[in-house]
Structures are given as C-alpha cells and as structure tokens.
Amino acid sequence: MTIKLDYHSNLYLSDGIDTLKLDKMKDKLEKNPFFSGLFVIYISKNLSDQLDIIDAKMLTQRYYQNNAIHVVGLAESHEEAIEIVKRIVDDCIQTRGDCAIKEYLLCGV
C-alpha cells in the first residue's frame, strides 16, 4: 500500500520531530502509516473547512489511497497538531491580515 501525499514546501513540524530523519519518516508514512505514530495536518478538501487533523493510521482507509492530500504539518500527538494549527493561523494573520489559511498555504501569499 502506498499513500499519495504531497508535502508543503515549508512543512510545519512539532518540536520532537527530527528534521534530519524527516525523509525517512515521510517514506514510512507513505508506505506503512499504521506504524508511523504521527498526526497529519493537511489542507481540507471540504469547502467549509480549512485544515484537517488525522491520526496517520487513518491513511490506511481507501479514501486516502485514492485521493492525494496536501500535508502541511506533522506532529507526534493530537495536542501538538493543534499547536501547529495555531501557529499556522498566527503566521497567516501576520502575513496576510486574515484567516484565509488555504490560500496562504497554497499560494504563499
């Protein structure tokens, strides 16, 4: 099983994730997400939401095998994932002056 994941160029990471091992973690996440121990933050495909947080184990579901997602953050716990979302919102507000998170992340504006 290989999951289709597209990673944001400026990936947000929780403090405990070693950037030197990031490529290995991405590979593990795409090939065997059940054992990755991560939470994934990605741009929601739902028009009414901006970001979604899921346990990486959810990537084993057929939906994620058939639909690529744009990953913007990785965290070691749900609480850390929420902190990353807060950081993304803060960055968006400081950069754009609004909460258009999808546009901020996809366009870099």
PDB file of N, CA and C in Angstrom:
ATOM      1  N   MET A   1       0.848  -1.177   0.000  1.00  0.00           N
ATOM      2  CA  MET A   1       0.000   0.000   0.000  1.00  0.00           C
ATOM      3  C   MET A   1       0.892   1.238   0.000  1.00  0.00           C
ATOM      4  N   THR A   2       0.635   2.127  -0.940  1.00  0.00           N
ATOM      5  CA  THR A   2       1.331   3.401  -0.973  1.00  0.00           C
ATOM      6  C   THR A   2       0.304   4.520  -0.983  1.00  0.00           C
ATOM      7  N   ILE A   3       0.479   5.465  -0.083  1.00  0.00           N
ATOM      8  CA  ILE A   3      -0.433   6.587   0.067  1.00  0.00           C
ATOM      9  C   ILE A   3       0.086   7.748  -0.768  1.00  0.00           C
ATOM     10  N   LYS A   4      -0.838   8.486  -1.395  1.00  0.00           N
ATOM     11  CA  LYS A   4      -0.462   9.647  -2.206  1.00  0.00           C
ATOM     12  C   LYS A   4      -0.446  10.889  -1.311  1.00  0.00           C
ATOM     13  N   LEU A   5       0.743  11.337  -0.964  1.00  0.00           N
ATOM     14  CA  LEU A   5       0.886  12.522  -0.127  1.00  0.00           C
ATOM     15  C   LEU A   5       1.746  13.554  -0.843  1.00  0.00           C
ATOM     16  N   ASP A   6       1.282  14.776  -0.808  1.00  0.00           N
ATOM     17  CA  ASP A   6       2.016  15.909  -1.355  1.00  0.00           C
ATOM     18  C   ASP A   6       2.390  16.781  -0.157  1.00  0.00           C
ATOM     19  N   TYR A   7       3.656  17.119  -0.014  1.00  0.00           N
ATOM     20  CA  TYR A   7       4.112  17.854   1.160  1.00  0.00           C
ATOM     21  C   TYR A   7       4.321  19.336   0.852  1.00  0.00           C
ATOM     22  N   HIS A   8       3.881  20.157   1.775  1.00  0.00           N
ATOM     23  CA  HIS A   8       4.094  21.601   1.669  1.00  0.00           C
ATOM     24  C   HIS A   8       5.586  21.880   1.707  1.00  0.00           C
ATOM     25  N   SER A   9       6.023  22.867   0.950  1.00  0.00           N
ATOM     26  CA  SER A   9       7.458  23.166   0.881  1.00  0.00           C
ATOM     27  C   SER A   9       8.023  23.648   2.214  1.00  0.00           C
ATOM     28  N   ASN A  10       7.185  24.261   3.054  1.00  0.00           N
ATOM     29  CA  ASN A  10       7.600  24.719   4.376  1.00  0.00           C
ATOM     30  C   ASN A  10       6.789  23.947   5.411  1.00  0.00           C
ATOM     31  N   LEU A  11       7.085  22.668   5.532  1.00  0.00           N
ATOM     32  CA  LEU A  11       6.323  21.767   6.391  1.00  0.00           C
ATOM     33  C   LEU A  11       6.443  22.169   7.855  1.00  0.00           C
ATOM     34  N   TYR A  12       5.313  22.290   8.534  1.00  0.00           N
ATOM     35  CA  TYR A  12       5.291  22.596   9.962  1.00  0.00           C
ATOM     36  C   TYR A  12       5.472  21.286  10.736  1.00  0.00           C
ATOM     37  N   LEU A  13       6.378  21.292  11.713  1.00  0.00           N
ATOM     38  CA  LEU A  13       6.684  20.086  12.479  1.00  0.00           C
ATOM     39  C   LEU A  13       6.608  20.370  13.967  1.00  0.00           C
ATOM     40  N   SER A  14       6.169  19.364  14.736  1.00  0.00           N
ATOM     41  CA  SER A  14       6.223  19.514  16.187  1.00  0.00           C
ATOM     42  C   SER A  14       7.682  19.433  16.622  1.00  0.00           C
ATOM     43  N   ASP A  15       7.958  19.935  17.807  1.00  0.00           N
ATOM     44  CA  ASP A  15       9.339  20.070  18.291  1.00  0.00           C
ATOM     45  C   ASP A  15      10.103  18.747  18.357  1.00  0.00           C
ATOM     46  N   GLY A  16       9.417  17.652  18.617  1.00  0.00           N
ATOM     47  CA  GLY A  16      10.106  16.370  18.786  1.00  0.00           C
ATOM     48  C   GLY A  16      10.473  15.667  17.498  1.00  0.00           C
ATOM     49  N   ILE A  17      10.071  16.207  16.361  1.00  0.00           N
ATOM     50  CA  ILE A  17      10.378  15.563  15.085  1.00  0.00           C
ATOM     51  C   ILE A  17      11.740  16.033  14.602  1.00  0.00           C
ATOM     52  N   ASP A  18      12.620  15.084  14.385  1.00  0.00           N
ATOM     53  CA  ASP A  18      13.992  15.362  13.948  1.00  0.00           C
ATOM     54  C   ASP A  18      13.996  15.622  12.443  1.00  0.00           C
ATOM     55  N   THR A  19      14.366  16.826  12.052  1.00  0.00           N
ATOM     56  CA  THR A  19      14.359  17.191  10.628  1.00  0.00           C
ATOM     57  C   THR A  19      15.373  16.365   9.826  1.00  0.00           C
ATOM     58  N   LEU A  20      16.393  15.845  10.484  1.00  0.00           N
ATOM     59  CA  LEU A  20      17.374  15.016   9.793  1.00  0.00           C
ATOM     60  C   LEU A  20      16.790  13.668   9.391  1.00  0.00           C
ATOM     61  N   LYS A  21      15.736  13.241  10.094  1.00  0.00           N
ATOM     62  CA  LYS A  21      15.087  11.959   9.797  1.00  0.00           C
ATOM     63  C   LYS A  21      13.760  12.145   9.059  1.00  0.00           C
ATOM     64  N   LEU A  22      13.491  13.357   8.604  1.00  0.00           N
ATOM     65  CA  LEU A  22      12.203  13.673   8.003  1.00  0.00           C
ATOM     66  C   LEU A  22      11.916  12.844   6.748  1.00  0.00           C
ATOM     67  N   ASP A  23      12.899  12.677   5.878  1.00  0.00           N
ATOM     68  CA  ASP A  23      12.676  11.896   4.662  1.00  0.00           C
ATOM     69  C   ASP A  23      12.320  10.453   4.991  1.00  0.00           C
ATOM     70  N   LYS A  24      12.984   9.895   5.980  1.00  0.00           N
ATOM     71  CA  LYS A  24      12.688   8.523   6.402  1.00  0.00           C
ATOM     72  C   LYS A  24      11.277   8.446   6.992  1.00  0.00           C
ATOM     73  N   MET A  25      10.872   9.460   7.745  1.00  0.00           N
ATOM     74  CA  MET A  25       9.532   9.492   8.332  1.00  0.00           C
ATOM     75  C   MET A  25       8.468   9.605   7.242  1.00  0.00           C
ATOM     76  N   LYS A  26       8.727  10.446   6.236  1.00  0.00           N
ATOM     77  CA  LYS A  26       7.788  10.584   5.121  1.00  0.00           C
ATOM     78  C   LYS A  26       7.622   9.256   4.392  1.00  0.00           C
ATOM     79  N   ASP A  27       8.736   8.577   4.164  1.00  0.00           N
ATOM     80  CA  ASP A  27       8.695   7.285   3.477  1.00  0.00           C
ATOM     81  C   ASP A  27       7.875   6.273   4.276  1.00  0.00           C
ATOM     82  N   LYS A  28       8.105   6.243   5.567  1.00  0.00           N
ATOM     83  CA  LYS A  28       7.369   5.328   6.441  1.00  0.00           C
ATOM     84  C   LYS A  28       5.884   5.683   6.454  1.00  0.00           C
ATOM     85  N   LEU A  29       5.587   6.962   6.474  1.00  0.00           N
ATOM     86  CA  LEU A  29       4.206   7.428   6.489  1.00  0.00           C
ATOM     87  C   LEU A  29       3.474   7.019   5.214  1.00  0.00           C
ATOM     88  N   GLU A  30       4.141   7.109   4.089  1.00  0.00           N
ATOM     89  CA  GLU A  30       3.522   6.778   2.809  1.00  0.00           C
ATOM     90  C   GLU A  30       3.384   5.277   2.587  1.00  0.00           C
ATOM     91  N   LYS A  31       4.310   4.503   3.117  1.00  0.00           N
ATOM     92  CA  LYS A  31       4.292   3.063   2.865  1.00  0.00           C
ATOM     93  C   LYS A  31       3.587   2.262   3.950  1.00  0.00           C
ATOM     94  N   ASN A  32       3.653   2.728   5.182  1.00  0.00           N
ATOM     95  CA  ASN A  32       3.037   1.989   6.278  1.00  0.00           C
ATOM     96  C   ASN A  32       2.594   2.956   7.366  1.00  0.00           C
ATOM     97  N   PRO A  33       1.555   3.750   7.113  1.00  0.00           N
ATOM     98  CA  PRO A  33       1.139   4.790   8.070  1.00  0.00           C
ATOM     99  C   PRO A  33       0.642   4.236   9.395  1.00  0.00           C
ATOM    100  N   PHE A  34       0.262   2.967   9.415  1.00  0.00           N
ATOM    101  CA  PHE A  34      -0.267   2.384  10.643  1.00  0.00           C
ATOM    102  C   PHE A  34       0.765   2.388  11.767  1.00  0.00           C
ATOM    103  N   PHE A  35       2.027   2.343  11.419  1.00  0.00           N
ATOM    104  CA  PHE A  35       3.079   2.283  12.425  1.00  0.00           C
ATOM    105  C   PHE A  35       3.904   3.562  12.533  1.00  0.00           C
ATOM    106  N   SER A  36       3.445   4.637  11.936  1.00  0.00           N
ATOM    107  CA  SER A  36       4.242   5.869  11.938  1.00  0.00           C
ATOM    108  C   SER A  36       4.187   6.618  13.264  1.00  0.00           C
ATOM    109  N   GLY A  37       3.071   6.520  14.009  1.00  0.00           N
ATOM    110  CA  GLY A  37       2.948   7.229  15.274  1.00  0.00           C
ATOM    111  C   GLY A  37       2.822   8.733  15.131  1.00  0.00           C
ATOM    112  N   LEU A  38       2.310   9.195  13.991  1.00  0.00           N
ATOM    113  CA  LEU A  38       2.218  10.628  13.734  1.00  0.00           C
ATOM    114  C   LEU A  38       0.771  11.083  13.557  1.00  0.00           C
ATOM    115  N   PHE A  39       0.587  12.387  13.680  1.00  0.00           N
ATOM    116  CA  PHE A  39      -0.668  13.034  13.323  1.00  0.00           C
ATOM    117  C   PHE A  39      -0.370  13.918  12.122  1.00  0.00           C
ATOM    118  N   VAL A  40      -1.273  13.898  11.167  1.00  0.00           N
ATOM    119  CA  VAL A  40      -1.081  14.598   9.905  1.00  0.00           C
ATOM    120  C   VAL A  40      -2.037  15.789   9.840  1.00  0.00           C
ATOM    121  N   ILE A  41      -1.510  16.940   9.474  1.00  0.00           N
ATOM    122  CA  ILE A  41      -2.315  18.149   9.270  1.00  0.00           C
ATOM    123  C   ILE A  41      -2.281  18.410   7.772  1.00  0.00           C
ATOM    124  N   TYR A  42      -3.464  18.467   7.161  1.00  0.00           N
ATOM    125  CA  TYR A  42      -3.497  18.676   5.719  1.00  0.00           C
ATOM    126  C   TYR A  42      -4.600  19.640   5.331  1.00  0.00           C
ATOM    127  N   ILE A  43      -4.470  20.189   4.126  1.00  0.00           N
ATOM    128  CA  ILE A  43      -5.463  21.128   3.620  1.00  0.00           C
ATOM    129  C   ILE A  43      -6.730  20.358   3.296  1.00  0.00           C
ATOM    130  N   SER A  44      -7.825  20.786   3.905  1.00  0.00           N
ATOM    131  CA  SER A  44      -9.100  20.098   3.756  1.00  0.00           C
ATOM    132  C   SER A  44      -9.635  20.227   2.343  1.00  0.00           C
ATOM    133  N   LYS A  45     -10.211  19.151   1.851  1.00  0.00           N
ATOM    134  CA  LYS A  45     -10.876  19.188   0.546  1.00  0.00           C
ATOM    135  C   LYS A  45     -12.330  19.624   0.711  1.00  0.00           C
ATOM    136  N   ASN A  46     -12.785  19.684   1.953  1.00  0.00           N
ATOM    137  CA  ASN A  46     -14.126  20.140   2.275  1.00  0.00           C
ATOM    138  C   ASN A  46     -14.153  21.660   2.160  1.00  0.00           C
ATOM    139  N   LEU A  47     -15.091  22.199   1.442  1.00  0.00           N
ATOM    140  CA  LEU A  47     -15.143  23.647   1.217  1.00  0.00           C
ATOM    141  C   LEU A  47     -15.392  24.457   2.481  1.00  0.00           C
ATOM    142  N   SER A  48     -16.027  23.861   3.491  1.00  0.00           N
ATOM    143  CA  SER A  48     -16.334  24.615   4.702  1.00  0.00           C
ATOM    144  C   SER A  48     -15.219  24.554   5.749  1.00  0.00           C
ATOM    145  N   ASP A  49     -14.209  23.723   5.536  1.00  0.00           N
ATOM    146  CA  ASP A  49     -13.086  23.611   6.462  1.00  0.00           C
ATOM    147  C   ASP A  49     -11.810  24.071   5.773  1.00  0.00           C
ATOM    148  N   GLN A  50     -10.816  24.417   6.578  1.00  0.00           N
ATOM    149  CA  GLN A  50      -9.541  24.833   6.006  1.00  0.00           C
ATOM    150  C   GLN A  50      -8.452  23.787   6.198  1.00  0.00           C
ATOM    151  N   LEU A  51      -8.380  23.214   7.401  1.00  0.00           N
ATOM    152  CA  LEU A  51      -7.383  22.194   7.706  1.00  0.00           C
ATOM    153  C   LEU A  51      -8.046  21.013   8.390  1.00  0.00           C
ATOM    154  N   ASP A  52      -7.463  19.847   8.218  1.00  0.00           N
ATOM    155  CA  ASP A  52      -7.902  18.649   8.923  1.00  0.00           C
ATOM    156  C   ASP A  52      -6.714  18.063   9.665  1.00  0.00           C
ATOM    157  N   ILE A  53      -7.008  17.454  10.805  1.00  0.00           N
ATOM    158  CA  ILE A  53      -6.004  16.740  11.582  1.00  0.00           C
ATOM    159  C   ILE A  53      -6.475  15.299  11.693  1.00  0.00           C
ATOM    160  N   ILE A  54      -5.616  14.366  11.324  1.00  0.00           N
ATOM    161  CA  ILE A  54      -5.964  12.952  11.473  1.00  0.00           C
ATOM    162  C   ILE A  54      -4.772  12.199  12.049  1.00  0.00           C
ATOM    163  N   ASP A  55      -5.086  11.109  12.731  1.00  0.00           N
ATOM    164  CA  ASP A  55      -4.057  10.165  13.138  1.00  0.00           C
ATOM    165  C   ASP A  55      -3.582   9.501  11.846  1.00  0.00           C
ATOM    166  N   ALA A  56      -2.291   9.348  11.674  1.00  0.00           N
ATOM    167  CA  ALA A  56      -1.749   8.776  10.441  1.00  0.00           C
ATOM    168  C   ALA A  56      -2.331   7.402  10.139  1.00  0.00           C
ATOM    169  N   LYS A  57      -2.797   6.700  11.145  1.00  0.00           N
ATOM    170  CA  LYS A  57      -3.412   5.384  10.926  1.00  0.00           C
ATOM    171  C   LYS A  57      -4.613   5.476   9.998  1.00  0.00           C
ATOM    172  N   MET A  58      -5.259   6.637   9.988  1.00  0.00           N
ATOM    173  CA  MET A  58      -6.426   6.838   9.125  1.00  0.00           C
ATOM    174  C   MET A  58      -6.042   6.795   7.642  1.00  0.00           C
ATOM    175  N   LEU A  59      -4.784   7.014   7.343  1.00  0.00           N
ATOM    176  CA  LEU A  59      -4.336   6.992   5.950  1.00  0.00           C
ATOM    177  C   LEU A  59      -4.462   5.610   5.321  1.00  0.00           C
ATOM    178  N   THR A  60      -4.697   4.592   6.111  1.00  0.00           N
ATOM    179  CA  THR A  60      -4.897   3.246   5.569  1.00  0.00           C
ATOM    180  C   THR A  60      -6.283   3.094   4.943  1.00  0.00           C
ATOM    181  N   GLN A  61      -7.176   4.039   5.182  1.00  0.00           N
ATOM    182  CA  GLN A  61      -8.516   3.968   4.592  1.00  0.00           C
ATOM    183  C   GLN A  61      -8.431   4.187   3.085  1.00  0.00           C
ATOM    184  N   ARG A  62      -9.339   3.553   2.364  1.00  0.00           N
ATOM    185  CA  ARG A  62      -9.340   3.596   0.899  1.00  0.00           C
ATOM    186  C   ARG A  62      -9.368   5.026   0.350  1.00  0.00           C
ATOM    187  N   TYR A  63     -10.089   5.926   1.005  1.00  0.00           N
ATOM    188  CA  TYR A  63     -10.172   7.312   0.529  1.00  0.00           C
ATOM    189  C   TYR A  63      -8.783   7.905   0.312  1.00  0.00           C
ATOM    190  N   TYR A  64      -7.905   7.726   1.278  1.00  0.00           N
ATOM    191  CA  TYR A  64      -6.569   8.325   1.215  1.00  0.00           C
ATOM    192  C   TYR A  64      -5.669   7.599   0.219  1.00  0.00           C
ATOM    193  N   GLN A  65      -5.966   6.346  -0.072  1.00  0.00           N
ATOM    194  CA  GLN A  65      -5.204   5.617  -1.073  1.00  0.00           C
ATOM    195  C   GLN A  65      -5.555   6.094  -2.480  1.00  0.00           C
ATOM    196  N   ASN A  66      -6.771   6.610  -2.642  1.00  0.00           N
ATOM    197  CA  ASN A  66      -7.252   7.034  -3.960  1.00  0.00           C
ATOM    198  C   ASN A  66      -7.212   8.550  -4.168  1.00  0.00           C
ATOM    199  N   ASN A  67      -7.028   9.318  -3.123  1.00  0.00           N
ATOM    200  CA  ASN A  67      -7.054  10.778  -3.196  1.00  0.00           C
ATOM    201  C   ASN A  67      -5.828  11.367  -2.518  1.00  0.00           C
ATOM    202  N   ALA A  68      -5.022  12.055  -3.292  1.00  0.00           N
ATOM    203  CA  ALA A  68      -3.825  12.688  -2.732  1.00  0.00           C
ATOM    204  C   ALA A  68      -4.235  13.832  -1.806  1.00  0.00           C
ATOM    205  N   ILE A  69      -3.472  14.020  -0.744  1.00  0.00           N
ATOM    206  CA  ILE A  69      -3.716  15.139   0.164  1.00  0.00           C
ATOM    207  C   ILE A  69      -2.446  15.990   0.250  1.00  0.00           C
ATOM    208  N   HIS A  70      -2.641  17.270   0.544  1.00  0.00           N
ATOM    209  CA  HIS A  70      -1.520  18.215   0.667  1.00  0.00           C
ATOM    210  C   HIS A  70      -1.196  18.388   2.148  1.00  0.00           C
ATOM    211  N   VAL A  71      -0.145  17.742   2.598  1.00  0.00           N
ATOM    212  CA  VAL A  71       0.257  17.742   4.005  1.00  0.00           C
ATOM    213  C   VAL A  71       1.012  19.038   4.307  1.00  0.00           C
ATOM    214  N   VAL A  72       0.556  19.737   5.351  1.00  0.00           N
ATOM    215  CA  VAL A  72       1.220  20.984   5.745  1.00  0.00           C
ATOM    216  C   VAL A  72       1.912  20.861   7.100  1.00  0.00           C
ATOM    217  N   GLY A  73       1.625  19.791   7.849  1.00  0.00           N
ATOM    218  CA  GLY A  73       2.238  19.631   9.155  1.00  0.00           C
ATOM    219  C   GLY A  73       2.233  18.199   9.640  1.00  0.00           C
ATOM    220  N   LEU A  74       3.203  17.869  10.481  1.00  0.00           N
ATOM    221  CA  LEU A  74       3.304  16.566  11.126  1.00  0.00           C
ATOM    222  C   LEU A  74       3.560  16.786  12.610  1.00  0.00           C
ATOM    223  N   ALA A  75       2.864  16.009  13.426  1.00  0.00           N
ATOM    224  CA  ALA A  75       3.016  16.143  14.880  1.00  0.00           C
ATOM    225  C   ALA A  75       3.042  14.761  15.527  1.00  0.00           C
ATOM    226  N   GLU A  76       3.592  14.725  16.730  1.00  0.00           N
ATOM    227  CA  GLU A  76       3.688  13.460  17.462  1.00  0.00           C
ATOM    228  C   GLU A  76       2.465  13.180  18.328  1.00  0.00           C
ATOM    229  N   SER A  77       1.605  14.171  18.517  1.00  0.00           N
ATOM    230  CA  SER A  77       0.382  13.975  19.293  1.00  0.00           C
ATOM    231  C   SER A  77      -0.702  14.897  18.760  1.00  0.00           C
ATOM    232  N   HIS A  78      -1.932  14.617  19.135  1.00  0.00           N
ATOM    233  CA  HIS A  78      -3.045  15.464  18.703  1.00  0.00           C
ATOM    234  C   HIS A  78      -2.902  16.868  19.285  1.00  0.00           C
ATOM    235  N   GLU A  79      -2.464  16.959  20.515  1.00  0.00           N
ATOM    236  CA  GLU A  79      -2.272  18.259  21.158  1.00  0.00           C
ATOM    237  C   GLU A  79      -1.217  19.089  20.414  1.00  0.00           C
ATOM    238  N   GLU A  80      -0.125  18.437  20.010  1.00  0.00           N
ATOM    239  CA  GLU A  80       0.908  19.143  19.261  1.00  0.00           C
ATOM    240  C   GLU A  80       0.389  19.555  17.887  1.00  0.00           C
ATOM    241  N   ALA A  81      -0.476  18.739  17.292  1.00  0.00           N
ATOM    242  CA  ALA A  81      -1.073  19.089  15.998  1.00  0.00           C
ATOM    243  C   ALA A  81      -1.927  20.351  16.133  1.00  0.00           C
ATOM    244  N   ILE A  82      -2.668  20.455  17.225  1.00  0.00           N
ATOM    245  CA  ILE A  82      -3.474  21.657  17.471  1.00  0.00           C
ATOM    246  C   ILE A  82      -2.570  22.877  17.628  1.00  0.00           C
ATOM    247  N   GLU A  83      -1.447  22.718  18.320  1.00  0.00           N
ATOM    248  CA  GLU A  83      -0.495  23.822  18.470  1.00  0.00           C
ATOM    249  C   GLU A  83       0.073  24.250  17.117  1.00  0.00           C
ATOM    250  N   ILE A  84       0.306  23.294  16.235  1.00  0.00           N
ATOM    251  CA  ILE A  84       0.795  23.623  14.898  1.00  0.00           C
ATOM    252  C   ILE A  84      -0.264  24.403  14.132  1.00  0.00           C
ATOM    253  N   VAL A  85      -1.522  23.998  14.248  1.00  0.00           N
ATOM    254  CA  VAL A  85      -2.604  24.732  13.577  1.00  0.00           C
ATOM    255  C   VAL A  85      -2.661  26.167  14.099  1.00  0.00           C
ATOM    256  N   LYS A  86      -2.502  26.339  15.407  1.00  0.00           N
ATOM    257  CA  LYS A  86      -2.471  27.691  15.972  1.00  0.00           C
ATOM    258  C   LYS A  86      -1.327  28.506  15.380  1.00  0.00           C
ATOM    259  N   ARG A  87      -0.180  27.873  15.214  1.00  0.00           N
ATOM    260  CA  ARG A  87       0.984  28.545  14.636  1.00  0.00           C
ATOM    261  C   ARG A  87       0.731  28.937  13.180  1.00  0.00           C
ATOM    262  N   ILE A  88       0.080  28.047  12.433  1.00  0.00           N
ATOM    263  CA  ILE A  88      -0.265  28.342  11.038  1.00  0.00           C
ATOM    264  C   ILE A  88      -1.214  29.533  10.970  1.00  0.00           C
ATOM    265  N   VAL A  89      -2.230  29.533  11.839  1.00  0.00           N
ATOM    266  CA  VAL A  89      -3.182  30.646  11.868  1.00  0.00           C
ATOM    267  C   VAL A  89      -2.464  31.950  12.204  1.00  0.00           C
ATOM    268  N   ASP A  90      -1.601  31.935  13.210  1.00  0.00           N
ATOM    269  CA  ASP A  90      -0.835  33.133  13.580  1.00  0.00           C
ATOM    270  C   ASP A  90       0.019  33.626  12.416  1.00  0.00           C
ATOM    271  N   ASP A  91       0.699  32.698  11.735  1.00  0.00           N
ATOM    272  CA  ASP A  91       1.527  33.075  10.591  1.00  0.00           C
ATOM    273  C   ASP A  91       0.680  33.694   9.479  1.00  0.00           C
ATOM    274  N   CYS A  92      -0.471  33.108   9.238  1.00  0.00           N
ATOM    275  CA  CYS A  92      -1.374  33.612   8.202  1.00  0.00           C
ATOM    276  C   CYS A  92      -1.864  35.017   8.536  1.00  0.00           C
ATOM    277  N   ILE A  93      -2.271  35.226   9.767  1.00  0.00           N
ATOM    278  CA  ILE A  93      -2.762  36.544  10.184  1.00  0.00           C
ATOM    279  C   ILE A  93      -1.653  37.584  10.088  1.00  0.00           C
ATOM    280  N   GLN A  94      -0.452  37.236  10.529  1.00  0.00           N
ATOM    281  CA  GLN A  94       0.658  38.187  10.470  1.00  0.00           C
ATOM    282  C   GLN A  94       1.073  38.504   9.036  1.00  0.00           C
ATOM    283  N   THR A  95       0.971  37.521   8.158  1.00  0.00           N
ATOM    284  CA  THR A  95       1.389  37.716   6.773  1.00  0.00           C
ATOM    285  C   THR A  95       0.318  38.384   5.921  1.00  0.00           C
ATOM    286  N   ARG A  96      -0.912  37.913   6.052  1.00  0.00           N
ATOM    287  CA  ARG A  96      -1.995  38.372   5.176  1.00  0.00           C
ATOM    288  C   ARG A  96      -2.970  39.326   5.844  1.00  0.00           C
ATOM    289  N   GLY A  97      -3.062  39.230   7.182  1.00  0.00           N
ATOM    290  CA  GLY A  97      -4.038  40.044   7.893  1.00  0.00           C
ATOM    291  C   GLY A  97      -5.418  39.428   7.907  1.00  0.00           C
ATOM    292  N   ASP A  98      -5.529  38.154   7.506  1.00  0.00           N
ATOM    293  CA  ASP A  98      -6.811  37.454   7.531  1.00  0.00           C
ATOM    294  C   ASP A  98      -6.581  35.977   7.860  1.00  0.00           C
ATOM    295  N   CYS A  99      -7.647  35.214   7.814  1.00  0.00           N
ATOM    296  CA  CYS A  99      -7.558  33.783   8.135  1.00  0.00           C
ATOM    297  C   CYS A  99      -7.813  32.914   6.905  1.00  0.00           C
ATOM    298  N   ALA A 100      -7.411  33.370   5.747  1.00  0.00           N
ATOM    299  CA  ALA A 100      -7.553  32.573   4.521  1.00  0.00           C
ATOM    300  C   ALA A 100      -6.379  31.581   4.468  1.00  0.00           C
ATOM    301  N   ILE A 101      -6.466  30.572   5.317  1.00  0.00           N
ATOM    302  CA  ILE A 101      -5.358  29.650   5.524  1.00  0.00           C
ATOM    303  C   ILE A 101      -5.037  28.851   4.267  1.00  0.00           C
ATOM    304  N   LYS A 102      -6.068  28.357   3.588  1.00  0.00           N
ATOM    305  CA  LYS A 102      -5.818  27.575   2.359  1.00  0.00           C
ATOM    306  C   LYS A 102      -5.022  28.391   1.346  1.00  0.00           C
ATOM    307  N   GLU A 103      -5.465  29.611   1.114  1.00  0.00           N
ATOM    308  CA  GLU A 103      -4.785  30.476   0.148  1.00  0.00           C
ATOM    309  C   GLU A 103      -3.360  30.793   0.607  1.00  0.00           C
ATOM    310  N   TYR A 104      -3.211  31.060   1.894  1.00  0.00           N
ATOM    311  CA  TYR A 104      -1.897  31.365   2.455  1.00  0.00           C
ATOM    312  C   TYR A 104      -0.928  30.205   2.216  1.00  0.00           C
ATOM    313  N   LEU A 105      -1.385  28.989   2.478  1.00  0.00           N
ATOM    314  CA  LEU A 105      -0.511  27.830   2.341  1.00  0.00           C
ATOM    315  C   LEU A 105      -0.278  27.427   0.879  1.00  0.00           C
ATOM    316  N   LEU A 106      -1.308  27.536   0.068  1.00  0.00           N
ATOM    317  CA  LEU A 106      -1.177  27.106  -1.324  1.00  0.00           C
ATOM    318  C   LEU A 106      -0.488  28.139  -2.219  1.00  0.00           C
ATOM    319  N   CYS A 107      -0.689  29.405  -1.902  1.00  0.00           N
ATOM    320  CA  CYS A 107      -0.125  30.458  -2.758  1.00  0.00           C
ATOM    321  C   CYS A 107       1.108  31.107  -2.150  1.00  0.00           C
ATOM    322  N   GLY A 108       1.300  30.907  -0.860  1.00  0.00           N
ATOM    323  CA  GLY A 108       2.422  31.552  -0.204  1.00  0.00           C
ATOM    324  C   GLY A 108       2.257  33.056  -0.076  1.00  0.00           C
ATOM    325  N   VAL A 109       0.995  33.513  -0.105  1.00  0.00           N
ATOM    326  CA  VAL A 109       0.716  34.955  -0.027  1.00  0.00           C
ATOM    327  C   VAL A 109      -0.057  35.238   1.222  1.00  0.00           C
TER     328      VAL A 109
END
